[in-house]
């Protein structure tokens, strides 16, 4: 059965969104250690965003590797991608929920993005006590470039599947991401 929310979207878009929802949900429960947080791992994570020790692949912008914890690089990129994917500005709490981090860490990531000119704070027109976060032109360019690279990598990986298999894989992965504990 097709998911009406994803039925008119390309498989690589559905897969990219599902992977984005899964990324950062360490073990599924906040505060619980994830697969790379064991006693022998020391917080380093090897993967597409770098070695986990602050060294990032060349395509990552310098902002992604700046100050903060070594694991902040991927989280900084997820902030940009979450805002680029959203239908409008987000609050710091909404950003935290979108990328799977707590509010204090989301606040720190947003502040670093503001300092680097990639994010901007603005007053919420519906509630002056709230602040919304929006991408600047520079932040949007970085997020869209990264999203394009990610979708191209997904398209390449899907190359060995038939169109029907691609649709089914996208549907199942989205369903899996929806069921993964927050």
C-alpha atoms as a PDB file:
ATOM      1  CA  UNK A   1       0.000   0.000   0.000  1.00  0.00           C
ATOM      2  CA  UNK A   2       1.394   3.396  -1.003  1.00  0.00           C
ATOM      3  CA  UNK A   3       1.930   6.130   1.545  1.00  0.00           C
ATOM      4  CA  UNK A   4      -0.091   9.126   0.297  1.00  0.00           C
ATOM      5  CA  UNK A   5       2.428  11.510   1.898  1.00  0.00           C
ATOM      6  CA  UNK A   6       5.261  10.076  -0.227  1.00  0.00           C
ATOM      7  CA  UNK A   7       3.395   8.869  -3.326  1.00  0.00           C
ATOM      8  CA  UNK A   8       4.245  11.899  -5.465  1.00  0.00           C
ATOM      9  CA  UNK A   9       7.881  12.151  -4.343  1.00  0.00           C
ATOM     10  CA  UNK A  10      10.939  10.631  -5.984  1.00  0.00           C
ATOM     11  CA  UNK A  11      12.458   7.664  -4.094  1.00  0.00           C
ATOM     12  CA  UNK A  12      15.743   9.510  -3.410  1.00  0.00           C
ATOM     13  CA  UNK A  13      13.833  12.361  -1.750  1.00  0.00           C
ATOM     14  CA  UNK A  14      11.870   9.977   0.494  1.00  0.00           C
ATOM     15  CA  UNK A  15      15.067   8.067   1.370  1.00  0.00           C
ATOM     16  CA  UNK A  16      17.042  11.258   2.098  1.00  0.00           C
ATOM     17  CA  UNK A  17      14.288  12.509   4.403  1.00  0.00           C
ATOM     18  CA  UNK A  18      14.071   9.150   6.198  1.00  0.00           C
ATOM     19  CA  UNK A  19      17.848   9.014   6.678  1.00  0.00           C
ATOM     20  CA  UNK A  20      17.772  12.567   7.992  1.00  0.00           C
ATOM     21  CA  UNK A  21      15.159  11.610  10.583  1.00  0.00           C
ATOM     22  CA  UNK A  22      17.207   8.601  11.685  1.00  0.00           C
ATOM     23  CA  UNK A  23      20.518  10.464  11.851  1.00  0.00           C
ATOM     24  CA  UNK A  24      21.316  11.775  15.296  1.00  0.00           C
ATOM     25  CA  UNK A  25      18.885   9.525  17.186  1.00  0.00           C
ATOM     26  CA  UNK A  26      21.678   7.732  19.033  1.00  0.00           C
ATOM     27  CA  UNK A  27      20.239   4.432  20.146  1.00  0.00           C
ATOM     28  CA  UNK A  28      16.744   5.871  19.857  1.00  0.00           C
ATOM     29  CA  UNK A  29      16.616   7.438  23.327  1.00  0.00           C
ATOM     30  CA  UNK A  30      18.158  10.745  24.282  1.00  0.00           C
ATOM     31  CA  UNK A  31      20.835  10.319  26.856  1.00  0.00           C
ATOM     32  CA  UNK A  32      21.309   6.639  26.093  1.00  0.00           C
ATOM     33  CA  UNK A  33      24.604   5.672  24.464  1.00  0.00           C
ATOM     34  CA  UNK A  34      24.530   4.924  20.771  1.00  0.00           C
ATOM     35  CA  UNK A  35      26.522   2.322  18.869  1.00  0.00           C
ATOM     36  CA  UNK A  36      29.631   4.527  18.735  1.00  0.00           C
ATOM     37  CA  UNK A  37      29.581   5.659  22.362  1.00  0.00           C
ATOM     38  CA  UNK A  38      31.028   2.532  23.945  1.00  0.00           C
ATOM     39  CA  UNK A  39      34.081   2.514  26.214  1.00  0.00           C
ATOM     40  CA  UNK A  40      36.457   1.658  23.361  1.00  0.00           C
ATOM     41  CA  UNK A  41      35.138   4.208  20.929  1.00  0.00           C
ATOM     42  CA  UNK A  42      35.832   7.473  22.786  1.00  0.00           C
ATOM     43  CA  UNK A  43      33.168   9.388  20.878  1.00  0.00           C
ATOM     44  CA  UNK A  44      34.826   9.204  17.464  1.00  0.00           C
ATOM     45  CA  UNK A  45      32.612   8.250  14.550  1.00  0.00           C
ATOM     46  CA  UNK A  46      33.942   7.392  11.154  1.00  0.00           C
ATOM     47  CA  UNK A  47      31.579   7.934   8.309  1.00  0.00           C
ATOM     48  CA  UNK A  48      30.526  10.207   5.484  1.00  0.00           C
ATOM     49  CA  UNK A  49      30.900  13.343   7.624  1.00  0.00           C
ATOM     50  CA  UNK A  50      34.475  12.735   8.729  1.00  0.00           C
ATOM     51  CA  UNK A  51      36.524  10.812  11.204  1.00  0.00           C
ATOM     52  CA  UNK A  52      34.757  12.156  14.265  1.00  0.00           C
ATOM     53  CA  UNK A  53      37.913  13.886  15.473  1.00  0.00           C
ATOM     54  CA  UNK A  54      37.214  17.227  13.837  1.00  0.00           C
ATOM     55  CA  UNK A  55      38.725  16.281  10.474  1.00  0.00           C
ATOM     56  CA  UNK A  56      36.090  16.658   7.806  1.00  0.00           C
ATOM     57  CA  UNK A  57      36.051  15.637   4.158  1.00  0.00           C
ATOM     58  CA  UNK A  58      36.938  18.435   1.715  1.00  0.00           C
ATOM     59  CA  UNK A  59      33.326  19.058   0.626  1.00  0.00           C
ATOM     60  CA  UNK A  60      32.231  20.033   4.142  1.00  0.00           C
ATOM     61  CA  UNK A  61      32.292  23.796   4.743  1.00  0.00           C
ATOM     62  CA  UNK A  62      34.772  25.156   7.307  1.00  0.00           C
ATOM     63  CA  UNK A  63      31.859  26.071   9.602  1.00  0.00           C
ATOM     64  CA  UNK A  64      31.066  22.378  10.047  1.00  0.00           C
ATOM     65  CA  UNK A  65      34.422  21.690  11.680  1.00  0.00           C
ATOM     66  CA  UNK A  66      34.793  24.793  13.831  1.00  0.00           C
ATOM     67  CA  UNK A  67      34.826  24.890  17.590  1.00  0.00           C
ATOM     68  CA  UNK A  68      32.725  22.601  19.729  1.00  0.00           C
ATOM     69  CA  UNK A  69      32.638  18.856  20.150  1.00  0.00           C
ATOM     70  CA  UNK A  70      34.127  16.786  17.317  1.00  0.00           C
ATOM     71  CA  UNK A  71      30.670  15.345  16.613  1.00  0.00           C
ATOM     72  CA  UNK A  72      29.253  18.861  16.082  1.00  0.00           C
ATOM     73  CA  UNK A  73      30.336  18.934  12.414  1.00  0.00           C
ATOM     74  CA  UNK A  74      27.575  16.609  11.194  1.00  0.00           C
ATOM     75  CA  UNK A  75      25.090  18.208  13.602  1.00  0.00           C
ATOM     76  CA  UNK A  76      25.875  21.650  12.177  1.00  0.00           C
ATOM     77  CA  UNK A  77      25.137  20.380   8.681  1.00  0.00           C
ATOM     78  CA  UNK A  78      21.915  18.738   9.907  1.00  0.00           C
ATOM     79  CA  UNK A  79      20.793  22.144  11.259  1.00  0.00           C
ATOM     80  CA  UNK A  80      21.217  23.677   7.804  1.00  0.00           C
ATOM     81  CA  UNK A  81      19.523  20.759   6.051  1.00  0.00           C
ATOM     82  CA  UNK A  82      16.630  20.708   8.556  1.00  0.00           C
ATOM     83  CA  UNK A  83      15.972  24.401   7.939  1.00  0.00           C
ATOM     84  CA  UNK A  84      16.284  23.991   4.168  1.00  0.00           C
ATOM     85  CA  UNK A  85      13.815  21.087   4.279  1.00  0.00           C
ATOM     86  CA  UNK A  86      11.287  22.831   6.549  1.00  0.00           C
ATOM     87  CA  UNK A  87       8.270  24.633   5.162  1.00  0.00           C
ATOM     88  CA  UNK A  88       9.247  27.758   7.123  1.00  0.00           C
ATOM     89  CA  UNK A  89      11.389  29.065   9.971  1.00  0.00           C
ATOM     90  CA  UNK A  90      11.864  26.824  13.016  1.00  0.00           C
ATOM     91  CA  UNK A  91      12.359  27.467  16.720  1.00  0.00           C
ATOM     92  CA  UNK A  92      15.507  26.195  18.432  1.00  0.00           C
ATOM     93  CA  UNK A  93      13.451  23.411  20.052  1.00  0.00           C
ATOM     94  CA  UNK A  94      12.002  22.395  16.678  1.00  0.00           C
ATOM     95  CA  UNK A  95      15.520  22.279  15.231  1.00  0.00           C
ATOM     96  CA  UNK A  96      16.631  20.083  18.136  1.00  0.00           C
ATOM     97  CA  UNK A  97      13.730  17.706  17.523  1.00  0.00           C
ATOM     98  CA  UNK A  98      14.432  17.635  13.779  1.00  0.00           C
ATOM     99  CA  UNK A  99      18.100  16.709  14.189  1.00  0.00           C
ATOM    100  CA  UNK A 100      17.821  14.553  17.311  1.00  0.00           C
ATOM    101  CA  UNK A 101      19.657  16.712  19.872  1.00  0.00           C
ATOM    102  CA  UNK A 102      18.568  18.317  23.132  1.00  0.00           C
ATOM    103  CA  UNK A 103      17.606  21.997  23.372  1.00  0.00           C
ATOM    104  CA  UNK A 104      20.914  23.241  24.895  1.00  0.00           C
ATOM    105  CA  UNK A 105      22.955  21.616  22.116  1.00  0.00           C
ATOM    106  CA  UNK A 106      20.550  22.903  19.461  1.00  0.00           C
ATOM    107  CA  UNK A 107      20.900  26.381  20.940  1.00  0.00           C
ATOM    108  CA  UNK A 108      24.710  26.157  20.789  1.00  0.00           C
ATOM    109  CA  UNK A 109      24.618  24.939  17.173  1.00  0.00           C
ATOM    110  CA  UNK A 110      22.257  27.760  16.196  1.00  0.00           C
ATOM    111  CA  UNK A 111      24.476  30.342  17.903  1.00  0.00           C
ATOM    112  CA  UNK A 112      27.511  29.071  15.994  1.00  0.00           C
ATOM    113  CA  UNK A 113      25.530  29.250  12.742  1.00  0.00           C
ATOM    114  CA  UNK A 114      24.531  32.846  13.506  1.00  0.00           C
ATOM    115  CA  UNK A 115      28.161  33.752  14.286  1.00  0.00           C
ATOM    116  CA  UNK A 116      29.234  32.353  10.904  1.00  0.00           C
ATOM    117  CA  UNK A 117      26.503  34.201   9.002  1.00  0.00           C
ATOM    118  CA  UNK A 118      24.649  31.035   7.969  1.00  0.00           C
ATOM    119  CA  UNK A 119      21.615  31.486  10.219  1.00  0.00           C
ATOM    120  CA  UNK A 120      19.591  34.479  11.332  1.00  0.00           C
ATOM    121  CA  UNK A 121      17.265  34.928  14.288  1.00  0.00           C
ATOM    122  CA  UNK A 122      13.989  36.750  13.739  1.00  0.00           C
ATOM    123  CA  UNK A 123      10.982  37.530  15.906  1.00  0.00           C
ATOM    124  CA  UNK A 124       7.966  35.281  15.499  1.00  0.00           C
ATOM    125  CA  UNK A 125       5.181  37.493  14.083  1.00  0.00           C
ATOM    126  CA  UNK A 126       2.585  35.430  15.968  1.00  0.00           C
ATOM    127  CA  UNK A 127       4.351  35.550  19.347  1.00  0.00           C
ATOM    128  CA  UNK A 128       6.942  38.247  20.067  1.00  0.00           C
ATOM    129  CA  UNK A 129       8.363  36.153  22.933  1.00  0.00           C
ATOM    130  CA  UNK A 130       9.504  33.462  20.495  1.00  0.00           C
ATOM    131  CA  UNK A 131      12.450  33.556  18.130  1.00  0.00           C
ATOM    132  CA  UNK A 132      12.511  31.781  14.803  1.00  0.00           C
ATOM    133  CA  UNK A 133      15.628  30.638  13.006  1.00  0.00           C
ATOM    134  CA  UNK A 134      16.037  31.092   9.258  1.00  0.00           C
ATOM    135  CA  UNK A 135      18.815  30.355   6.794  1.00  0.00           C
ATOM    136  CA  UNK A 136      20.774  33.220   5.330  1.00  0.00           C
ATOM    137  CA  UNK A 137      21.593  33.154   1.625  1.00  0.00           C
ATOM    138  CA  UNK A 138      25.000  31.592   2.433  1.00  0.00           C
ATOM    139  CA  UNK A 139      23.443  28.978   4.706  1.00  0.00           C
ATOM    140  CA  UNK A 140      20.867  28.098   2.077  1.00  0.00           C
ATOM    141  CA  UNK A 141      23.548  27.672  -0.602  1.00  0.00           C
ATOM    142  CA  UNK A 142      25.549  25.283   1.605  1.00  0.00           C
ATOM    143  CA  UNK A 143      22.460  23.262   2.605  1.00  0.00           C
ATOM    144  CA  UNK A 144      21.173  22.971  -0.954  1.00  0.00           C
ATOM    145  CA  UNK A 145      24.597  21.921  -2.261  1.00  0.00           C
ATOM    146  CA  UNK A 146      24.891  19.280   0.434  1.00  0.00           C
ATOM    147  CA  UNK A 147      21.345  18.032  -0.167  1.00  0.00           C
ATOM    148  CA  UNK A 148      22.075  17.758  -3.889  1.00  0.00           C
ATOM    149  CA  UNK A 149      25.226  15.709  -3.236  1.00  0.00           C
ATOM    150  CA  UNK A 150      23.338  13.428  -0.860  1.00  0.00           C
ATOM    151  CA  UNK A 151      20.491  12.857  -3.324  1.00  0.00           C
ATOM    152  CA  UNK A 152      22.978  12.128  -6.107  1.00  0.00           C
ATOM    153  CA  UNK A 153      24.710   9.539  -3.893  1.00  0.00           C
ATOM    154  CA  UNK A 154      21.323   7.954  -3.151  1.00  0.00           C
ATOM    155  CA  UNK A 155      20.427   7.915  -6.867  1.00  0.00           C
ATOM    156  CA  UNK A 156      23.721   6.145  -7.568  1.00  0.00           C
ATOM    157  CA  UNK A 157      23.089   3.585  -4.825  1.00  0.00           C
ATOM    158  CA  UNK A 158      19.584   2.952  -6.164  1.00  0.00           C
ATOM    159  CA  UNK A 159      20.949   2.310  -9.666  1.00  0.00           C
ATOM    160  CA  UNK A 160      20.950  -1.458  -9.217  1.00  0.00           C
ATOM    161  CA  UNK A 161      17.260  -1.580  -8.261  1.00  0.00           C
ATOM    162  CA  UNK A 162      14.248  -1.568 -10.527  1.00  0.00           C
ATOM    163  CA  UNK A 163      11.859   1.375 -10.268  1.00  0.00           C
ATOM    164  CA  UNK A 164       9.409  -0.807  -8.325  1.00  0.00           C
ATOM    165  CA  UNK A 165      12.168  -1.902  -5.920  1.00  0.00           C
ATOM    166  CA  UNK A 166      13.248   1.724  -5.441  1.00  0.00           C
ATOM    167  CA  UNK A 167       9.707   2.765  -4.543  1.00  0.00           C
ATOM    168  CA  UNK A 168       9.310  -0.178  -2.148  1.00  0.00           C
ATOM    169  CA  UNK A 169      12.677   0.462  -0.483  1.00  0.00           C
ATOM    170  CA  UNK A 170      11.823   4.153  -0.036  1.00  0.00           C
ATOM    171  CA  UNK A 171       8.408   3.272   1.417  1.00  0.00           C
ATOM    172  CA  UNK A 172       9.840   0.733   3.869  1.00  0.00           C
ATOM    173  CA  UNK A 173      12.716   2.967   4.982  1.00  0.00           C
ATOM    174  CA  UNK A 174      10.306   5.872   5.601  1.00  0.00           C
ATOM    175  CA  UNK A 175       8.071   3.540   7.604  1.00  0.00           C
ATOM    176  CA  UNK A 176      11.081   2.313   9.574  1.00  0.00           C
ATOM    177  CA  UNK A 177      12.199   5.917  10.315  1.00  0.00           C
ATOM    178  CA  UNK A 178       8.670   6.818  11.437  1.00  0.00           C
ATOM    179  CA  UNK A 179       8.715   3.941  13.918  1.00  0.00           C
ATOM    180  CA  UNK A 180      12.219   4.545  15.282  1.00  0.00           C
ATOM    181  CA  UNK A 181      12.066   5.745  18.923  1.00  0.00           C
ATOM    182  CA  UNK A 182      12.692   9.444  19.376  1.00  0.00           C
END
